[in-house]
């Protein structure tokens, strides 16, 4: 499963902004984005999304709305210092969590209408207490 990639993060927020969040490493005599650290934030985000809606929605080829919220969540996970955690980053993260909860409860959709996830529901209940034999004569 890959909801978003490092390249998606670069496109959404810019390399310079990501460098501020995760730092740089030396490569070929240059300071470049620490992509391994960005990937850690992406992995944390994907695990979190999976925990909320993985059993309700196929995440193998996620819709844009899932990617949109995943980007905001990943940026939140990349913040390493309290001074970097702005109100905007925190509010977007909270909005993403609320949306995930709504999807899990069936109040919001993570895809186009008519999209379905294969599987079946199994309902278990105790044996009947009031049977026809027991209730005979009433």
C-alpha atoms as a PDB file:
ATOM      1  CA  UNK A   1       0.000   0.000   0.000  1.00  0.00           C
ATOM      2  CA  UNK A   2       1.256   3.431  -0.874  1.00  0.00           C
ATOM      3  CA  UNK A   3      -1.165   6.270  -0.353  1.00  0.00           C
ATOM      4  CA  UNK A   4       1.394   9.043  -0.876  1.00  0.00           C
ATOM      5  CA  UNK A   5       5.063   9.231  -1.842  1.00  0.00           C
ATOM      6  CA  UNK A   6       8.010  11.458  -1.050  1.00  0.00           C
ATOM      7  CA  UNK A   7       7.466  13.088  -4.443  1.00  0.00           C
ATOM      8  CA  UNK A   8       3.844  13.837  -3.491  1.00  0.00           C
ATOM      9  CA  UNK A   9       5.135  15.559  -0.351  1.00  0.00           C
ATOM     10  CA  UNK A  10       7.634  17.585  -2.391  1.00  0.00           C
ATOM     11  CA  UNK A  11       4.909  18.664  -4.812  1.00  0.00           C
ATOM     12  CA  UNK A  12       2.460  19.599  -2.059  1.00  0.00           C
ATOM     13  CA  UNK A  13       4.761  21.478   0.310  1.00  0.00           C
ATOM     14  CA  UNK A  14       7.998  22.172  -1.549  1.00  0.00           C
ATOM     15  CA  UNK A  15      11.491  20.870  -0.920  1.00  0.00           C
ATOM     16  CA  UNK A  16      12.575  23.887   1.116  1.00  0.00           C
ATOM     17  CA  UNK A  17       9.662  23.561   3.538  1.00  0.00           C
ATOM     18  CA  UNK A  18      10.346  19.852   3.971  1.00  0.00           C
ATOM     19  CA  UNK A  19      14.026  20.571   4.632  1.00  0.00           C
ATOM     20  CA  UNK A  20      12.972  22.839   7.491  1.00  0.00           C
ATOM     21  CA  UNK A  21      10.842  20.050   8.963  1.00  0.00           C
ATOM     22  CA  UNK A  22      13.154  17.055   8.574  1.00  0.00           C
ATOM     23  CA  UNK A  23      16.587  18.452   7.876  1.00  0.00           C
ATOM     24  CA  UNK A  24      19.150  17.597   5.260  1.00  0.00           C
ATOM     25  CA  UNK A  25      21.880  15.060   4.666  1.00  0.00           C
ATOM     26  CA  UNK A  26      25.069  15.394   2.666  1.00  0.00           C
ATOM     27  CA  UNK A  27      25.102  13.736  -0.730  1.00  0.00           C
ATOM     28  CA  UNK A  28      27.729  14.386  -3.360  1.00  0.00           C
ATOM     29  CA  UNK A  29      28.995  17.424  -1.500  1.00  0.00           C
ATOM     30  CA  UNK A  30      25.517  18.987  -1.333  1.00  0.00           C
ATOM     31  CA  UNK A  31      22.941  19.217   1.405  1.00  0.00           C
ATOM     32  CA  UNK A  32      19.809  17.419   0.187  1.00  0.00           C
ATOM     33  CA  UNK A  33      16.444  16.610   1.692  1.00  0.00           C
ATOM     34  CA  UNK A  34      16.492  13.751   4.178  1.00  0.00           C
ATOM     35  CA  UNK A  35      14.031  11.619   2.211  1.00  0.00           C
ATOM     36  CA  UNK A  36      14.354   8.702   4.635  1.00  0.00           C
ATOM     37  CA  UNK A  37      12.910  10.912   7.393  1.00  0.00           C
ATOM     38  CA  UNK A  38      10.080  12.012   5.075  1.00  0.00           C
ATOM     39  CA  UNK A  39       9.328   8.339   4.396  1.00  0.00           C
ATOM     40  CA  UNK A  40       9.100   7.668   8.147  1.00  0.00           C
ATOM     41  CA  UNK A  41       6.379  10.328   8.406  1.00  0.00           C
ATOM     42  CA  UNK A  42       4.579   8.821   5.418  1.00  0.00           C
ATOM     43  CA  UNK A  43       4.751   5.338   6.949  1.00  0.00           C
ATOM     44  CA  UNK A  44       3.336   6.630  10.246  1.00  0.00           C
ATOM     45  CA  UNK A  45       0.520   8.331   8.369  1.00  0.00           C
ATOM     46  CA  UNK A  46      -0.360   5.297   6.299  1.00  0.00           C
ATOM     47  CA  UNK A  47      -0.467   3.115   9.412  1.00  0.00           C
ATOM     48  CA  UNK A  48      -2.766   5.610  11.090  1.00  0.00           C
ATOM     49  CA  UNK A  49      -5.097   5.806   8.088  1.00  0.00           C
ATOM     50  CA  UNK A  50      -5.142   2.010   7.812  1.00  0.00           C
ATOM     51  CA  UNK A  51      -6.148   1.751  11.477  1.00  0.00           C
ATOM     52  CA  UNK A  52      -9.163   4.014  10.921  1.00  0.00           C
ATOM     53  CA  UNK A  53     -10.533   2.974   7.529  1.00  0.00           C
ATOM     54  CA  UNK A  54      -8.473   0.044   6.241  1.00  0.00           C
ATOM     55  CA  UNK A  55     -11.266  -2.443   6.844  1.00  0.00           C
ATOM     56  CA  UNK A  56     -13.860  -0.217   5.151  1.00  0.00           C
ATOM     57  CA  UNK A  57     -12.018   1.182   2.126  1.00  0.00           C
ATOM     58  CA  UNK A  58      -9.510  -0.289  -0.311  1.00  0.00           C
ATOM     59  CA  UNK A  59      -6.317   1.728   0.057  1.00  0.00           C
ATOM     60  CA  UNK A  60      -4.494   0.020  -2.823  1.00  0.00           C
ATOM     61  CA  UNK A  61      -5.373   2.852  -5.204  1.00  0.00           C
ATOM     62  CA  UNK A  62      -6.721   5.624  -2.980  1.00  0.00           C
ATOM     63  CA  UNK A  63      -8.872   8.484  -4.209  1.00  0.00           C
ATOM     64  CA  UNK A  64      -7.589  12.055  -4.192  1.00  0.00           C
ATOM     65  CA  UNK A  65      -9.487  12.922  -1.025  1.00  0.00           C
ATOM     66  CA  UNK A  66      -7.560  10.241   0.873  1.00  0.00           C
ATOM     67  CA  UNK A  67      -4.269  11.553  -0.529  1.00  0.00           C
ATOM     68  CA  UNK A  68      -5.192  15.126   0.384  1.00  0.00           C
ATOM     69  CA  UNK A  69      -5.730  14.245   4.029  1.00  0.00           C
ATOM     70  CA  UNK A  70      -2.709  11.912   4.053  1.00  0.00           C
ATOM     71  CA  UNK A  71      -0.445  14.769   2.969  1.00  0.00           C
ATOM     72  CA  UNK A  72      -1.637  16.959   5.846  1.00  0.00           C
ATOM     73  CA  UNK A  73      -1.250  14.116   8.319  1.00  0.00           C
ATOM     74  CA  UNK A  74       2.259  13.290   7.103  1.00  0.00           C
ATOM     75  CA  UNK A  75       3.344  16.914   7.449  1.00  0.00           C
ATOM     76  CA  UNK A  76       2.023  16.873  11.028  1.00  0.00           C
ATOM     77  CA  UNK A  77       4.053  13.716  11.750  1.00  0.00           C
ATOM     78  CA  UNK A  78       7.194  15.325  10.331  1.00  0.00           C
ATOM     79  CA  UNK A  79       7.116  18.235  12.748  1.00  0.00           C
ATOM     80  CA  UNK A  80       9.935  17.605  15.198  1.00  0.00           C
ATOM     81  CA  UNK A  81       9.877  20.754  17.293  1.00  0.00           C
ATOM     82  CA  UNK A  82       6.965  22.437  19.034  1.00  0.00           C
ATOM     83  CA  UNK A  83       7.931  25.699  17.367  1.00  0.00           C
ATOM     84  CA  UNK A  84       7.314  24.111  13.951  1.00  0.00           C
ATOM     85  CA  UNK A  85       3.837  22.841  14.850  1.00  0.00           C
ATOM     86  CA  UNK A  86       1.771  25.768  13.659  1.00  0.00           C
ATOM     87  CA  UNK A  87      -1.934  26.149  14.222  1.00  0.00           C
ATOM     88  CA  UNK A  88      -2.545  25.469  10.521  1.00  0.00           C
ATOM     89  CA  UNK A  89      -0.641  22.162  10.578  1.00  0.00           C
ATOM     90  CA  UNK A  90      -2.406  21.091  13.766  1.00  0.00           C
ATOM     91  CA  UNK A  91      -5.876  22.111  12.533  1.00  0.00           C
ATOM     92  CA  UNK A  92      -5.407  20.252   9.242  1.00  0.00           C
ATOM     93  CA  UNK A  93      -4.320  17.149  11.140  1.00  0.00           C
ATOM     94  CA  UNK A  94      -7.360  17.321  13.405  1.00  0.00           C
ATOM     95  CA  UNK A  95      -9.620  17.810  10.359  1.00  0.00           C
ATOM     96  CA  UNK A  96      -8.095  14.719   8.763  1.00  0.00           C
ATOM     97  CA  UNK A  97      -8.763  12.656  11.892  1.00  0.00           C
ATOM     98  CA  UNK A  98     -12.372  13.836  12.023  1.00  0.00           C
ATOM     99  CA  UNK A  99     -12.820  12.914   8.367  1.00  0.00           C
ATOM    100  CA  UNK A 100     -11.324   9.448   8.951  1.00  0.00           C
ATOM    101  CA  UNK A 101     -13.738   8.886  11.834  1.00  0.00           C
ATOM    102  CA  UNK A 102     -16.632   9.994   9.620  1.00  0.00           C
ATOM    103  CA  UNK A 103     -15.572   7.554   6.892  1.00  0.00           C
ATOM    104  CA  UNK A 104     -15.342   4.754   9.438  1.00  0.00           C
ATOM    105  CA  UNK A 105     -18.870   5.575  10.658  1.00  0.00           C
ATOM    106  CA  UNK A 106     -20.266   5.808   7.126  1.00  0.00           C
ATOM    107  CA  UNK A 107     -20.914   9.571   7.373  1.00  0.00           C
ATOM    108  CA  UNK A 108     -18.340  10.452   4.677  1.00  0.00           C
ATOM    109  CA  UNK A 109     -16.993   8.750   1.590  1.00  0.00           C
ATOM    110  CA  UNK A 110     -13.392   7.985   0.766  1.00  0.00           C
ATOM    111  CA  UNK A 111     -14.192   7.423  -2.887  1.00  0.00           C
ATOM    112  CA  UNK A 112     -16.737   7.926  -5.602  1.00  0.00           C
ATOM    113  CA  UNK A 113     -20.360   7.044  -5.028  1.00  0.00           C
ATOM    114  CA  UNK A 114     -21.142   3.455  -5.806  1.00  0.00           C
ATOM    115  CA  UNK A 115     -17.678   2.304  -4.813  1.00  0.00           C
ATOM    116  CA  UNK A 116     -17.801  -0.844  -2.790  1.00  0.00           C
ATOM    117  CA  UNK A 117     -15.411  -2.935  -0.805  1.00  0.00           C
ATOM    118  CA  UNK A 118     -15.700  -6.679  -1.121  1.00  0.00           C
ATOM    119  CA  UNK A 119     -16.355  -8.769   1.936  1.00  0.00           C
ATOM    120  CA  UNK A 120     -19.212  -9.800   4.102  1.00  0.00           C
ATOM    121  CA  UNK A 121     -20.530  -9.101   7.542  1.00  0.00           C
ATOM    122  CA  UNK A 122     -20.903 -11.855  10.090  1.00  0.00           C
ATOM    123  CA  UNK A 123     -23.438 -11.358  12.846  1.00  0.00           C
ATOM    124  CA  UNK A 124     -23.449 -13.607  15.889  1.00  0.00           C
ATOM    125  CA  UNK A 125     -26.185 -13.560  18.469  1.00  0.00           C
ATOM    126  CA  UNK A 126     -27.172 -15.710  21.418  1.00  0.00           C
ATOM    127  CA  UNK A 127     -29.828 -18.408  21.068  1.00  0.00           C
ATOM    128  CA  UNK A 128     -33.424 -17.247  21.247  1.00  0.00           C
ATOM    129  CA  UNK A 129     -34.792 -16.865  24.740  1.00  0.00           C
ATOM    130  CA  UNK A 130     -38.482 -16.784  23.825  1.00  0.00           C
ATOM    131  CA  UNK A 131     -39.109 -19.806  21.582  1.00  0.00           C
ATOM    132  CA  UNK A 132     -42.466 -20.886  20.144  1.00  0.00           C
ATOM    133  CA  UNK A 133     -42.525 -23.872  22.531  1.00  0.00           C
ATOM    134  CA  UNK A 134     -41.827 -21.731  25.576  1.00  0.00           C
ATOM    135  CA  UNK A 135     -44.410 -19.163  24.558  1.00  0.00           C
ATOM    136  CA  UNK A 136     -47.145 -21.702  23.714  1.00  0.00           C
ATOM    137  CA  UNK A 137     -50.368 -20.800  25.460  1.00  0.00           C
ATOM    138  CA  UNK A 138     -49.667 -17.085  25.753  1.00  0.00           C
END
